[in-house]
Amino acid sequence: MVRHTEHAGQPRPQPRTLLLGVGADPQQAALARSEGADLVDVGAAAPGALVAIRAILPAATAWTGPPGHPLDVDRLAAAGGAAAGDPPAAVIATAAVCTWLGAPMVRSRHTRAVRRAIDMTESIAGRRLPARTIRGLA
C-alpha cells in the first residue's frame, strides 16, 4: 500500500532533471549553453580551453565530475542499437524515458532536442507546467 502525504491540490515537489551538455572547447560549450544545457561537461577540455570557457561563460556551471555519473543518453541509445550516424530520434526517446523514470541528470550532445524532450516529459508527468497550452476545442 502506498500512502501519499500531500494535501489535495498541492503536488509533491519533484526534483528537476538536469541536462548536461558537452563542451570540450569554448564554441561547443557556448552552443550547448545556448541550446538549453543546465550544466556543461568540461571534463575532456584542455586546461587552456577551460580558461577560455570560463571567460566566455562566467555564469555557467561546469561539470568536471566522473563521466559515468550522469546518464549518457547518447551511449545508451547506441547500446540499444542506434547507429552513430542515425538521426537523434533514439537519443531523444532514451532521454524521455530516463526523465520519466526519474533520472536526476542526463548527458547528451543533442542539447536542443533532448532539452525539449525533457521539458515535454516533465510536463506530461506533472512535474512542471507546460510552456504553452492550446485549447483544442472547435
C-alpha atoms as a PDB file:
ATOM      1  CA  MET A   1       0.000   0.000   0.000  1.00  0.00           C
ATOM      2  CA  VAL A   2       1.315   3.409  -0.951  1.00  0.00           C
ATOM      3  CA  ARG A   3       0.476   6.405   1.196  1.00  0.00           C
ATOM      4  CA  HIS A   4       0.603   9.906  -0.155  1.00  0.00           C
ATOM      5  CA  THR A   5       1.262  12.672   2.341  1.00  0.00           C
ATOM      6  CA  GLU A   6       0.327  15.522   0.027  1.00  0.00           C
ATOM      7  CA  HIS A   7      -2.621  17.790   0.537  1.00  0.00           C
ATOM      8  CA  ALA A   8      -5.383  17.933  -2.023  1.00  0.00           C
ATOM      9  CA  GLY A   9      -4.473  20.227  -4.895  1.00  0.00           C
ATOM     10  CA  GLN A  10      -0.797  20.525  -3.912  1.00  0.00           C
ATOM     11  CA  PRO A  11       1.540  18.355  -5.982  1.00  0.00           C
ATOM     12  CA  ARG A  12       4.588  16.844  -4.385  1.00  0.00           C
ATOM     13  CA  PRO A  13       7.755  18.740  -5.278  1.00  0.00           C
ATOM     14  CA  GLN A  14       9.832  16.670  -7.665  1.00  0.00           C
ATOM     15  CA  PRO A  15      13.480  17.121  -8.486  1.00  0.00           C
ATOM     16  CA  ARG A  16      14.119  18.534 -11.940  1.00  0.00           C
ATOM     17  CA  THR A  17      16.113  16.523 -14.465  1.00  0.00           C
ATOM     18  CA  LEU A  18      19.243  18.464 -15.369  1.00  0.00           C
ATOM     19  CA  LEU A  19      20.646  18.413 -18.883  1.00  0.00           C
ATOM     20  CA  LEU A  20      24.399  18.122 -19.137  1.00  0.00           C
ATOM     21  CA  GLY A  21      25.753  19.407 -22.463  1.00  0.00           C
ATOM     22  CA  VAL A  22      29.187  18.545 -23.809  1.00  0.00           C
ATOM     23  CA  GLY A  23      31.763  21.286 -24.296  1.00  0.00           C
ATOM     24  CA  ALA A  24      35.382  20.335 -24.904  1.00  0.00           C
ATOM     25  CA  ASP A  25      36.100  23.720 -26.475  1.00  0.00           C
ATOM     26  CA  PRO A  26      34.630  27.210 -25.928  1.00  0.00           C
ATOM     27  CA  GLN A  27      32.407  27.123 -29.035  1.00  0.00           C
ATOM     28  CA  GLN A  28      30.859  23.768 -28.079  1.00  0.00           C
ATOM     29  CA  ALA A  29      30.292  24.958 -24.520  1.00  0.00           C
ATOM     30  CA  ALA A  30      28.647  28.192 -25.655  1.00  0.00           C
ATOM     31  CA  LEU A  31      26.440  26.300 -28.127  1.00  0.00           C
ATOM     32  CA  ALA A  32      25.371  23.735 -25.516  1.00  0.00           C
ATOM     33  CA  ARG A  33      24.528  26.501 -23.055  1.00  0.00           C
ATOM     34  CA  SER A  34      22.554  28.487 -25.653  1.00  0.00           C
ATOM     35  CA  GLU A  35      20.596  25.358 -26.613  1.00  0.00           C
ATOM     36  CA  GLY A  36      19.370  24.811 -23.057  1.00  0.00           C
ATOM     37  CA  ALA A  37      22.004  22.843 -21.156  1.00  0.00           C
ATOM     38  CA  ASP A  38      21.853  23.384 -17.394  1.00  0.00           C
ATOM     39  CA  LEU A  39      25.463  22.286 -16.956  1.00  0.00           C
ATOM     40  CA  VAL A  40      28.352  21.947 -19.385  1.00  0.00           C
ATOM     41  CA  ASP A  41      30.607  18.873 -19.242  1.00  0.00           C
ATOM     42  CA  VAL A  42      34.147  20.228 -19.497  1.00  0.00           C
ATOM     43  CA  GLY A  43      35.876  17.091 -18.252  1.00  0.00           C
ATOM     44  CA  ALA A  44      37.560  16.499 -21.633  1.00  0.00           C
ATOM     45  CA  ALA A  45      38.625  20.128 -22.071  1.00  0.00           C
ATOM     46  CA  ALA A  46      42.292  21.059 -22.040  1.00  0.00           C
ATOM     47  CA  PRO A  47      43.364  23.485 -19.293  1.00  0.00           C
ATOM     48  CA  GLY A  48      43.656  26.353 -21.778  1.00  0.00           C
ATOM     49  CA  ALA A  49      40.213  25.612 -23.190  1.00  0.00           C
ATOM     50  CA  LEU A  50      38.779  25.511 -19.662  1.00  0.00           C
ATOM     51  CA  VAL A  51      40.075  29.039 -19.025  1.00  0.00           C
ATOM     52  CA  ALA A  52      38.541  30.210 -22.316  1.00  0.00           C
ATOM     53  CA  ILE A  53      35.204  28.544 -21.455  1.00  0.00           C
ATOM     54  CA  ARG A  54      35.174  30.319 -18.088  1.00  0.00           C
ATOM     55  CA  ALA A  55      35.902  33.630 -19.831  1.00  0.00           C
ATOM     56  CA  ILE A  56      33.062  33.178 -22.339  1.00  0.00           C
ATOM     57  CA  LEU A  57      30.534  31.692 -19.888  1.00  0.00           C
ATOM     58  CA  PRO A  58      31.332  33.117 -16.454  1.00  0.00           C
ATOM     59  CA  ALA A  59      27.887  32.348 -15.019  1.00  0.00           C
ATOM     60  CA  ALA A  60      27.620  28.815 -16.453  1.00  0.00           C
ATOM     61  CA  THR A  61      28.043  25.876 -14.139  1.00  0.00           C
ATOM     62  CA  ALA A  62      30.690  23.469 -15.385  1.00  0.00           C
ATOM     63  CA  TRP A  63      30.713  19.733 -14.699  1.00  0.00           C
ATOM     64  CA  THR A  64      34.116  18.196 -14.102  1.00  0.00           C
ATOM     65  CA  GLY A  65      32.944  15.096 -12.277  1.00  0.00           C
ATOM     66  CA  PRO A  66      33.318  11.485 -13.301  1.00  0.00           C
ATOM     67  CA  PRO A  67      31.902  10.775 -16.764  1.00  0.00           C
ATOM     68  CA  GLY A  68      29.883   7.774 -15.555  1.00  0.00           C
ATOM     69  CA  HIS A  69      27.746   9.658 -13.041  1.00  0.00           C
ATOM     70  CA  PRO A  70      25.132  11.292 -15.323  1.00  0.00           C
ATOM     71  CA  LEU A  71      23.215   9.038 -17.693  1.00  0.00           C
ATOM     72  CA  ASP A  72      24.839   9.399 -21.102  1.00  0.00           C
ATOM     73  CA  VAL A  73      21.776   9.051 -23.343  1.00  0.00           C
ATOM     74  CA  ASP A  74      23.936   9.084 -26.489  1.00  0.00           C
ATOM     75  CA  ARG A  75      25.745   5.972 -25.257  1.00  0.00           C
ATOM     76  CA  LEU A  76      22.519   4.322 -24.021  1.00  0.00           C
ATOM     77  CA  ALA A  77      20.849   4.828 -27.411  1.00  0.00           C
ATOM     78  CA  ALA A  78      23.894   3.371 -29.185  1.00  0.00           C
ATOM     79  CA  ALA A  79      23.812   0.358 -26.861  1.00  0.00           C
ATOM     80  CA  GLY A  80      20.152  -0.105 -27.791  1.00  0.00           C
ATOM     81  CA  GLY A  81      21.038  -0.487 -31.471  1.00  0.00           C
ATOM     82  CA  ALA A  82      21.077   3.077 -32.796  1.00  0.00           C
ATOM     83  CA  ALA A  83      23.934   3.772 -35.199  1.00  0.00           C
ATOM     84  CA  ALA A  84      26.201   6.748 -34.616  1.00  0.00           C
ATOM     85  CA  GLY A  85      25.114   8.439 -37.870  1.00  0.00           C
ATOM     86  CA  ASP A  86      21.378   7.985 -37.254  1.00  0.00           C
ATOM     87  CA  PRO A  87      19.134  10.948 -36.528  1.00  0.00           C
ATOM     88  CA  PRO A  88      18.927  11.651 -32.810  1.00  0.00           C
ATOM     89  CA  ALA A  89      15.441  10.089 -32.501  1.00  0.00           C
ATOM     90  CA  ALA A  90      16.772   7.185 -30.428  1.00  0.00           C
ATOM     91  CA  VAL A  91      18.693   9.604 -28.193  1.00  0.00           C
ATOM     92  CA  ILE A  92      15.586  11.769 -27.698  1.00  0.00           C
ATOM     93  CA  ALA A  93      13.432   8.756 -26.862  1.00  0.00           C
ATOM     94  CA  THR A  94      16.048   7.464 -24.424  1.00  0.00           C
ATOM     95  CA  ALA A  95      16.204  10.858 -22.705  1.00  0.00           C
ATOM     96  CA  ALA A  96      12.412  10.985 -22.409  1.00  0.00           C
ATOM     97  CA  VAL A  97      12.255   7.511 -20.839  1.00  0.00           C
ATOM     98  CA  CYS A  98      15.117   8.284 -18.439  1.00  0.00           C
ATOM     99  CA  THR A  99      13.384  11.511 -17.412  1.00  0.00           C
ATOM    100  CA  TRP A 100      10.067   9.705 -16.931  1.00  0.00           C
ATOM    101  CA  LEU A 101      11.790   7.164 -14.684  1.00  0.00           C
ATOM    102  CA  GLY A 102      13.294   9.964 -12.573  1.00  0.00           C
ATOM    103  CA  ALA A 103      16.893  10.310 -13.725  1.00  0.00           C
ATOM    104  CA  PRO A 104      18.349  13.353 -11.949  1.00  0.00           C
ATOM    105  CA  MET A 105      20.775  14.193 -14.776  1.00  0.00           C
ATOM    106  CA  VAL A 106      21.223  13.203 -18.412  1.00  0.00           C
ATOM    107  CA  ARG A 107      24.172  13.956 -20.683  1.00  0.00           C
ATOM    108  CA  SER A 108      23.897  14.406 -24.443  1.00  0.00           C
ATOM    109  CA  ARG A 109      25.489  16.079 -27.437  1.00  0.00           C
ATOM    110  CA  HIS A 110      21.988  16.726 -28.895  1.00  0.00           C
ATOM    111  CA  THR A 111      21.266  19.518 -26.440  1.00  0.00           C
ATOM    112  CA  ARG A 112      18.313  21.325 -28.041  1.00  0.00           C
ATOM    113  CA  ALA A 113      16.323  18.207 -28.942  1.00  0.00           C
ATOM    114  CA  VAL A 114      16.984  16.500 -25.601  1.00  0.00           C
ATOM    115  CA  ARG A 115      16.031  19.702 -23.697  1.00  0.00           C
ATOM    116  CA  ARG A 116      12.671  19.737 -25.489  1.00  0.00           C
ATOM    117  CA  ALA A 117      12.122  16.042 -24.725  1.00  0.00           C
ATOM    118  CA  ILE A 118      12.971  16.529 -21.036  1.00  0.00           C
ATOM    119  CA  ASP A 119      10.635  19.527 -20.736  1.00  0.00           C
ATOM    120  CA  MET A 120       7.792  17.693 -22.502  1.00  0.00           C
ATOM    121  CA  THR A 121       8.218  14.596 -20.351  1.00  0.00           C
ATOM    122  CA  GLU A 122       8.251  16.613 -17.127  1.00  0.00           C
ATOM    123  CA  SER A 123       5.087  18.434 -18.238  1.00  0.00           C
ATOM    124  CA  ILE A 124       3.302  15.161 -19.013  1.00  0.00           C
ATOM    125  CA  ALA A 125       4.435  13.698 -15.679  1.00  0.00           C
ATOM    126  CA  GLY A 126       3.080  16.772 -13.873  1.00  0.00           C
ATOM    127  CA  ARG A 127       6.428  17.926 -12.502  1.00  0.00           C
ATOM    128  CA  ARG A 128       6.385  21.248 -14.365  1.00  0.00           C
ATOM    129  CA  LEU A 129       3.841  23.467 -16.031  1.00  0.00           C
ATOM    130  CA  PRO A 130       3.674  23.348 -19.813  1.00  0.00           C
ATOM    131  CA  ALA A 131       5.378  26.253 -21.573  1.00  0.00           C
ATOM    132  CA  ARG A 132       2.306  26.843 -23.749  1.00  0.00           C
ATOM    133  CA  THR A 133      -1.212  25.464 -23.717  1.00  0.00           C
ATOM    134  CA  ILE A 134      -3.619  25.468 -26.620  1.00  0.00           C
ATOM    135  CA  ARG A 135      -7.285  24.767 -26.297  1.00  0.00           C
ATOM    136  CA  GLY A 136      -8.225  22.214 -28.923  1.00  0.00           C
ATOM    137  CA  LEU A 137     -11.998  22.590 -28.959  1.00  0.00           C
ATOM    138  CA  ALA A 138     -13.638  23.748 -32.171  1.00  0.00           C
END
